[in-house]
Amino acid sequence: MKSTSVRLPEDLERRLVDLSRARGTSRSEVLRAALFAFRPDLAVSFSAAASDLVGCVRGPKDLSGTKKHMLRYGS
């Protein structure tokens, strides 16, 4: 991920810090969320973000729809 510097007036910086603390996230995450809210077309879908993971696991092709594969899990 790339880094960018932003100059903010003191009152806006204080609000950013307060919001990040209230949400339990970083200031960067608050700013990213604000940018995505301002321009929703910039947001990346989950499938696009995970596209490099599709097909990287070997196993039964019917894993998600066949209960017999899950018999020993959760017991």
PDB file of N, CA and C in Angstrom:
ATOM      1  N   MET A   1       0.848  -1.160   0.000  1.00  0.00           N
ATOM      2  CA  MET A   1       0.000   0.000   0.000  1.00  0.00           C
ATOM      3  C   MET A   1       0.901   1.233   0.000  1.00  0.00           C
ATOM      4  N   LYS A   2       0.510   2.231  -0.733  1.00  0.00           N
ATOM      5  CA  LYS A   2       1.290   3.471  -0.811  1.00  0.00           C
ATOM      6  C   LYS A   2       0.939   4.402   0.337  1.00  0.00           C
ATOM      7  N   SER A   3       1.844   5.314   0.632  1.00  0.00           N
ATOM      8  CA  SER A   3       1.666   6.278   1.710  1.00  0.00           C
ATOM      9  C   SER A   3       1.498   7.672   1.126  1.00  0.00           C
ATOM     10  N   THR A   4       0.630   8.481   1.761  1.00  0.00           N
ATOM     11  CA  THR A   4       0.378   9.851   1.331  1.00  0.00           C
ATOM     12  C   THR A   4       0.327  10.742   2.559  1.00  0.00           C
ATOM     13  N   SER A   5       0.891  11.934   2.451  1.00  0.00           N
ATOM     14  CA  SER A   5       0.823  12.903   3.547  1.00  0.00           C
ATOM     15  C   SER A   5      -0.302  13.883   3.268  1.00  0.00           C
ATOM     16  N   VAL A   6      -1.004  14.267   4.335  1.00  0.00           N
ATOM     17  CA  VAL A   6      -2.109  15.219   4.213  1.00  0.00           C
ATOM     18  C   VAL A   6      -1.951  16.272   5.291  1.00  0.00           C
ATOM     19  N   ARG A   7      -2.069  17.525   4.909  1.00  0.00           N
ATOM     20  CA  ARG A   7      -2.011  18.613   5.883  1.00  0.00           C
ATOM     21  C   ARG A   7      -3.443  18.980   6.263  1.00  0.00           C
ATOM     22  N   LEU A   8      -3.698  18.992   7.575  1.00  0.00           N
ATOM     23  CA  LEU A   8      -5.037  19.293   8.074  1.00  0.00           C
ATOM     24  C   LEU A   8      -4.972  20.419   9.093  1.00  0.00           C
ATOM     25  N   PRO A   9      -6.001  21.260   9.131  1.00  0.00           N
ATOM     26  CA  PRO A   9      -6.071  22.243  10.209  1.00  0.00           C
ATOM     27  C   PRO A   9      -6.170  21.501  11.543  1.00  0.00           C
ATOM     28  N   GLU A  10      -5.724  22.145  12.611  1.00  0.00           N
ATOM     29  CA  GLU A  10      -5.684  21.477  13.914  1.00  0.00           C
ATOM     30  C   GLU A  10      -7.039  20.921  14.338  1.00  0.00           C
ATOM     31  N   ASP A  11      -8.119  21.676  14.109  1.00  0.00           N
ATOM     32  CA  ASP A  11      -9.431  21.203  14.537  1.00  0.00           C
ATOM     33  C   ASP A  11      -9.867  19.958  13.761  1.00  0.00           C
ATOM     34  N   LEU A  12      -9.535  19.894  12.489  1.00  0.00           N
ATOM     35  CA  LEU A  12      -9.889  18.729  11.690  1.00  0.00           C
ATOM     36  C   LEU A  12      -9.029  17.519  12.076  1.00  0.00           C
ATOM     37  N   GLU A  13      -7.776  17.748  12.378  1.00  0.00           N
ATOM     38  CA  GLU A  13      -6.893  16.678  12.855  1.00  0.00           C
ATOM     39  C   GLU A  13      -7.418  16.118  14.177  1.00  0.00           C
ATOM     40  N   ARG A  14      -7.862  17.000  15.066  1.00  0.00           N
ATOM     41  CA  ARG A  14      -8.409  16.570  16.355  1.00  0.00           C
ATOM     42  C   ARG A  14      -9.667  15.723  16.141  1.00  0.00           C
ATOM     43  N   ARG A  15     -10.521  16.138  15.222  1.00  0.00           N
ATOM     44  CA  ARG A  15     -11.731  15.363  14.923  1.00  0.00           C
ATOM     45  C   ARG A  15     -11.385  14.011  14.320  1.00  0.00           C
ATOM     46  N   LEU A  16     -10.353  13.980  13.476  1.00  0.00           N
ATOM     47  CA  LEU A  16      -9.910  12.717  12.878  1.00  0.00           C
ATOM     48  C   LEU A  16      -9.394  11.767  13.953  1.00  0.00           C
ATOM     49  N   VAL A  17      -8.600  12.267  14.867  1.00  0.00           N
ATOM     50  CA  VAL A  17      -8.066  11.448  15.959  1.00  0.00           C
ATOM     51  C   VAL A  17      -9.203  10.938  16.838  1.00  0.00           C
ATOM     52  N   ASP A  18     -10.137  11.821  17.194  1.00  0.00           N
ATOM     53  CA  ASP A  18     -11.277  11.420  18.028  1.00  0.00           C
ATOM     54  C   ASP A  18     -12.110  10.337  17.353  1.00  0.00           C
ATOM     55  N   LEU A  19     -12.360  10.495  16.068  1.00  0.00           N
ATOM     56  CA  LEU A  19     -13.157   9.513  15.333  1.00  0.00           C
ATOM     57  C   LEU A  19     -12.439   8.180  15.225  1.00  0.00           C
ATOM     58  N   SER A  20     -11.142   8.209  14.978  1.00  0.00           N
ATOM     59  CA  SER A  20     -10.393   6.957  14.878  1.00  0.00           C
ATOM     60  C   SER A  20     -10.365   6.228  16.223  1.00  0.00           C
ATOM     61  N   ARG A  21     -10.243   6.968  17.308  1.00  0.00           N
ATOM     62  CA  ARG A  21     -10.282   6.341  18.643  1.00  0.00           C
ATOM     63  C   ARG A  21     -11.662   5.759  18.932  1.00  0.00           C
ATOM     64  N   ALA A  22     -12.708   6.512  18.592  1.00  0.00           N
ATOM     65  CA  ALA A  22     -14.078   6.051  18.844  1.00  0.00           C
ATOM     66  C   ALA A  22     -14.384   4.774  18.061  1.00  0.00           C
ATOM     67  N   ARG A  23     -13.851   4.685  16.849  1.00  0.00           N
ATOM     68  CA  ARG A  23     -14.087   3.502  16.017  1.00  0.00           C
ATOM     69  C   ARG A  23     -13.094   2.378  16.292  1.00  0.00           C
ATOM     70  N   GLY A  24     -12.027   2.692  17.001  1.00  0.00           N
ATOM     71  CA  GLY A  24     -11.003   1.686  17.267  1.00  0.00           C
ATOM     72  C   GLY A  24     -10.205   1.327  16.026  1.00  0.00           C
ATOM     73  N   THR A  25     -10.039   2.299  15.126  1.00  0.00           N
ATOM     74  CA  THR A  25      -9.287   2.077  13.893  1.00  0.00           C
ATOM     75  C   THR A  25      -8.209   3.140  13.756  1.00  0.00           C
ATOM     76  N   SER A  26      -7.416   2.996  12.723  1.00  0.00           N
ATOM     77  CA  SER A  26      -6.355   3.979  12.473  1.00  0.00           C
ATOM     78  C   SER A  26      -6.932   5.214  11.782  1.00  0.00           C
ATOM     79  N   ARG A  27      -6.177   6.286  11.824  1.00  0.00           N
ATOM     80  CA  ARG A  27      -6.574   7.496  11.101  1.00  0.00           C
ATOM     81  C   ARG A  27      -6.629   7.220   9.606  1.00  0.00           C
ATOM     82  N   SER A  28      -5.713   6.397   9.125  1.00  0.00           N
ATOM     83  CA  SER A  28      -5.703   6.045   7.704  1.00  0.00           C
ATOM     84  C   SER A  28      -6.991   5.344   7.298  1.00  0.00           C
ATOM     85  N   GLU A  29      -7.483   4.440   8.154  1.00  0.00           N
ATOM     86  CA  GLU A  29      -8.720   3.718   7.846  1.00  0.00           C
ATOM     87  C   GLU A  29      -9.912   4.672   7.811  1.00  0.00           C
ATOM     88  N   VAL A  30      -9.944   5.639   8.721  1.00  0.00           N
ATOM     89  CA  VAL A  30     -11.020   6.639   8.722  1.00  0.00           C
ATOM     90  C   VAL A  30     -10.982   7.448   7.435  1.00  0.00           C
ATOM     91  N   LEU A  31      -9.788   7.862   7.019  1.00  0.00           N
ATOM     92  CA  LEU A  31      -9.660   8.639   5.783  1.00  0.00           C
ATOM     93  C   LEU A  31     -10.041   7.807   4.557  1.00  0.00           C
ATOM     94  N   ARG A  32      -9.633   6.524   4.525  1.00  0.00           N
ATOM     95  CA  ARG A  32     -10.029   5.656   3.395  1.00  0.00           C
ATOM     96  C   ARG A  32     -11.543   5.518   3.334  1.00  0.00           C
ATOM     97  N   ALA A  33     -12.177   5.307   4.493  1.00  0.00           N
ATOM     98  CA  ALA A  33     -13.636   5.170   4.529  1.00  0.00           C
ATOM     99  C   ALA A  33     -14.312   6.449   4.042  1.00  0.00           C
ATOM    100  N   ALA A  34     -13.760   7.604   4.422  1.00  0.00           N
ATOM    101  CA  ALA A  34     -14.327   8.877   3.979  1.00  0.00           C
ATOM    102  C   ALA A  34     -14.191   9.043   2.470  1.00  0.00           C
ATOM    103  N   LEU A  35     -13.051   8.647   1.923  1.00  0.00           N
ATOM    104  CA  LEU A  35     -12.868   8.732   0.473  1.00  0.00           C
ATOM    105  C   LEU A  35     -13.818   7.806  -0.270  1.00  0.00           C
ATOM    106  N   PHE A  36     -14.000   6.596   0.254  1.00  0.00           N
ATOM    107  CA  PHE A  36     -14.921   5.660  -0.386  1.00  0.00           C
ATOM    108  C   PHE A  36     -16.358   6.156  -0.287  1.00  0.00           C
ATOM    109  N   ALA A  37     -16.713   6.810   0.821  1.00  0.00           N
ATOM    110  CA  ALA A  37     -18.061   7.367   0.975  1.00  0.00           C
ATOM    111  C   ALA A  37     -18.270   8.522   0.000  1.00  0.00           C
ATOM    112  N   PHE A  38     -17.211   9.292  -0.225  1.00  0.00           N
ATOM    113  CA  PHE A  38     -17.280  10.431  -1.138  1.00  0.00           C
ATOM    114  C   PHE A  38     -17.356   9.973  -2.587  1.00  0.00           C
ATOM    115  N   ARG A  39     -16.608   8.920  -2.912  1.00  0.00           N
ATOM    116  CA  ARG A  39     -16.578   8.372  -4.274  1.00  0.00           C
ATOM    117  C   ARG A  39     -16.731   6.855  -4.198  1.00  0.00           C
ATOM    118  N   PRO A  40     -17.968   6.346  -4.066  1.00  0.00           N
ATOM    119  CA  PRO A  40     -18.174   4.901  -3.928  1.00  0.00           C
ATOM    120  C   PRO A  40     -17.595   4.089  -5.084  1.00  0.00           C
ATOM    121  N   ASP A  41     -17.440   4.694  -6.240  1.00  0.00           N
ATOM    122  CA  ASP A  41     -16.881   3.967  -7.381  1.00  0.00           C
ATOM    123  C   ASP A  41     -15.408   3.620  -7.178  1.00  0.00           C
ATOM    124  N   LEU A  42     -14.759   4.224  -6.177  1.00  0.00           N
ATOM    125  CA  LEU A  42     -13.354   3.917  -5.901  1.00  0.00           C
ATOM    126  C   LEU A  42     -13.198   2.649  -5.062  1.00  0.00           C
ATOM    127  N   ALA A  43     -14.268   2.239  -4.386  1.00  0.00           N
ATOM    128  CA  ALA A  43     -14.202   1.074  -3.504  1.00  0.00           C
ATOM    129  C   ALA A  43     -13.968  -0.192  -4.333  1.00  0.00           C
ATOM    130  N   VAL A  44     -13.210  -1.109  -3.756  1.00  0.00           N
ATOM    131  CA  VAL A  44     -12.903  -2.378  -4.410  1.00  0.00           C
ATOM    132  C   VAL A  44     -13.824  -3.440  -3.828  1.00  0.00           C
ATOM    133  N   SER A  45     -14.424  -4.238  -4.696  1.00  0.00           N
ATOM    134  CA  SER A  45     -15.297  -5.298  -4.216  1.00  0.00           C
ATOM    135  C   SER A  45     -14.473  -6.399  -3.556  1.00  0.00           C
ATOM    136  N   PHE A  46     -15.138  -7.194  -2.726  1.00  0.00           N
ATOM    137  CA  PHE A  46     -14.447  -8.296  -2.073  1.00  0.00           C
ATOM    138  C   PHE A  46     -13.897  -9.268  -3.107  1.00  0.00           C
ATOM    139  N   SER A  47     -14.689  -9.584  -4.127  1.00  0.00           N
ATOM    140  CA  SER A  47     -14.219 -10.539  -5.138  1.00  0.00           C
ATOM    141  C   SER A  47     -13.004 -10.010  -5.889  1.00  0.00           C
ATOM    142  N   ALA A  48     -12.958  -8.698  -6.128  1.00  0.00           N
ATOM    143  CA  ALA A  48     -11.789  -8.127  -6.798  1.00  0.00           C
ATOM    144  C   ALA A  48     -10.565  -8.165  -5.869  1.00  0.00           C
ATOM    145  N   ALA A  49     -10.786  -7.874  -4.582  1.00  0.00           N
ATOM    146  CA  ALA A  49      -9.679  -7.883  -3.633  1.00  0.00           C
ATOM    147  C   ALA A  49      -9.124  -9.289  -3.419  1.00  0.00           C
ATOM    148  N   ALA A  50      -9.971 -10.314  -3.529  1.00  0.00           N
ATOM    149  CA  ALA A  50      -9.556 -11.705  -3.285  1.00  0.00           C
ATOM    150  C   ALA A  50      -9.314 -12.476  -4.575  1.00  0.00           C
ATOM    151  N   SER A  51      -9.253 -11.793  -5.704  1.00  0.00           N
ATOM    152  CA  SER A  51      -9.143 -12.487  -6.991  1.00  0.00           C
ATOM    153  C   SER A  51      -7.889 -13.354  -7.103  1.00  0.00           C
ATOM    154  N   ASP A  52      -6.812 -12.968  -6.428  1.00  0.00           N
ATOM    155  CA  ASP A  52      -5.592 -13.773  -6.495  1.00  0.00           C
ATOM    156  C   ASP A  52      -5.714 -15.060  -5.677  1.00  0.00           C
ATOM    157  N   LEU A  53      -6.742 -15.164  -4.832  1.00  0.00           N
ATOM    158  CA  LEU A  53      -6.930 -16.357  -4.010  1.00  0.00           C
ATOM    159  C   LEU A  53      -7.866 -17.382  -4.647  1.00  0.00           C
ATOM    160  N   VAL A  54      -8.630 -16.973  -5.635  1.00  0.00           N
ATOM    161  CA  VAL A  54      -9.589 -17.881  -6.277  1.00  0.00           C
ATOM    162  C   VAL A  54      -8.840 -19.012  -6.953  1.00  0.00           C
ATOM    163  N   GLY A  55      -9.216 -20.236  -6.592  1.00  0.00           N
ATOM    164  CA  GLY A  55      -8.617 -21.414  -7.209  1.00  0.00           C
ATOM    165  C   GLY A  55      -7.286 -21.822  -6.616  1.00  0.00           C
ATOM    166  N   CYS A  56      -6.882 -21.243  -5.489  1.00  0.00           N
ATOM    167  CA  CYS A  56      -5.568 -21.572  -4.930  1.00  0.00           C
ATOM    168  C   CYS A  56      -5.614 -22.761  -3.965  1.00  0.00           C
ATOM    169  N   VAL A  57      -6.793 -23.313  -3.708  1.00  0.00           N
ATOM    170  CA  VAL A  57      -6.941 -24.421  -2.766  1.00  0.00           C
ATOM    171  C   VAL A  57      -7.406 -25.664  -3.522  1.00  0.00           C
ATOM    172  N   ARG A  58      -6.812 -26.786  -3.183  1.00  0.00           N
ATOM    173  CA  ARG A  58      -7.233 -28.045  -3.785  1.00  0.00           C
ATOM    174  C   ARG A  58      -8.183 -28.752  -2.827  1.00  0.00           C
ATOM    175  N   GLY A  59      -9.155 -29.441  -3.365  1.00  0.00           N
ATOM    176  CA  GLY A  59     -10.108 -30.172  -2.547  1.00  0.00           C
ATOM    177  C   GLY A  59     -11.330 -30.526  -3.357  1.00  0.00           C
ATOM    178  N   PRO A  60     -12.344 -31.073  -2.698  1.00  0.00           N
ATOM    179  CA  PRO A  60     -13.556 -31.451  -3.413  1.00  0.00           C
ATOM    180  C   PRO A  60     -14.236 -30.234  -4.029  1.00  0.00           C
ATOM    181  N   LYS A  61     -14.742 -30.385  -5.227  1.00  0.00           N
ATOM    182  CA  LYS A  61     -15.390 -29.266  -5.913  1.00  0.00           C
ATOM    183  C   LYS A  61     -16.739 -28.915  -5.298  1.00  0.00           C
ATOM    184  N   ASP A  62     -17.333 -29.853  -4.549  1.00  0.00           N
ATOM    185  CA  ASP A  62     -18.640 -29.613  -3.939  1.00  0.00           C
ATOM    186  C   ASP A  62     -18.532 -29.330  -2.439  1.00  0.00           C
ATOM    187  N   LEU A  63     -17.431 -28.794  -1.986  1.00  0.00           N
ATOM    188  CA  LEU A  63     -17.165 -28.592  -0.564  1.00  0.00           C
ATOM    189  C   LEU A  63     -18.224 -27.719   0.115  1.00  0.00           C
ATOM    190  N   SER A  64     -18.631 -26.654  -0.520  1.00  0.00           N
ATOM    191  CA  SER A  64     -19.562 -25.733   0.136  1.00  0.00           C
ATOM    192  C   SER A  64     -20.992 -26.243   0.167  1.00  0.00           C
ATOM    193  N   GLY A  65     -21.321 -27.222  -0.637  1.00  0.00           N
ATOM    194  CA  GLY A  65     -22.708 -27.659  -0.706  1.00  0.00           C
ATOM    195  C   GLY A  65     -22.968 -29.075  -0.247  1.00  0.00           C
ATOM    196  N   THR A  66     -21.968 -29.775   0.237  1.00  0.00           N
ATOM    197  CA  THR A  66     -22.150 -31.167   0.635  1.00  0.00           C
ATOM    198  C   THR A  66     -21.826 -31.325   2.119  1.00  0.00           C
ATOM    199  N   LYS A  67     -22.844 -31.694   2.900  1.00  0.00           N
ATOM    200  CA  LYS A  67     -22.690 -31.784   4.356  1.00  0.00           C
ATOM    201  C   LYS A  67     -21.710 -32.872   4.791  1.00  0.00           C
ATOM    202  N   LYS A  68     -21.536 -33.926   3.997  1.00  0.00           N
ATOM    203  CA  LYS A  68     -20.656 -35.022   4.422  1.00  0.00           C
ATOM    204  C   LYS A  68     -19.205 -34.562   4.602  1.00  0.00           C
ATOM    205  N   HIS A  69     -18.813 -33.528   3.906  1.00  0.00           N
ATOM    206  CA  HIS A  69     -17.441 -33.003   4.046  1.00  0.00           C
ATOM    207  C   HIS A  69     -17.245 -32.299   5.397  1.00  0.00           C
ATOM    208  N   MET A  70     -18.323 -31.930   6.063  1.00  0.00           N
ATOM    209  CA  MET A  70     -18.246 -31.162   7.308  1.00  0.00           C
ATOM    210  C   MET A  70     -18.553 -32.007   8.547  1.00  0.00           C
ATOM    211  N   LEU A  71     -18.695 -33.297   8.412  1.00  0.00           N
ATOM    212  CA  LEU A  71     -19.119 -34.151   9.523  1.00  0.00           C
ATOM    213  C   LEU A  71     -18.222 -34.062  10.752  1.00  0.00           C
ATOM    214  N   ARG A  72     -16.927 -33.989  10.606  1.00  0.00           N
ATOM    215  CA  ARG A  72     -16.024 -33.999  11.744  1.00  0.00           C
ATOM    216  C   ARG A  72     -15.690 -32.602  12.272  1.00  0.00           C
ATOM    217  N   TYR A  73     -16.186 -31.550  11.629  1.00  0.00           N
ATOM    218  CA  TYR A  73     -15.894 -30.190  12.078  1.00  0.00           C
ATOM    219  C   TYR A  73     -16.907 -29.751  13.117  1.00  0.00           C
ATOM    220  N   GLY A  74     -16.453 -29.066  14.136  1.00  0.00           N
ATOM    221  CA  GLY A  74     -17.336 -28.498  15.147  1.00  0.00           C
ATOM    222  C   GLY A  74     -17.752 -29.461  16.231  1.00  0.00           C
ATOM    223  N   SER A  75     -17.161 -30.658  16.233  1.00  0.00           N
ATOM    224  CA  SER A  75     -17.564 -31.617  17.262  1.00  0.00           C
ATOM    225  C   SER A  75     -16.571 -31.673  18.388  1.00  0.00           C
TER     226      SER A  75
END
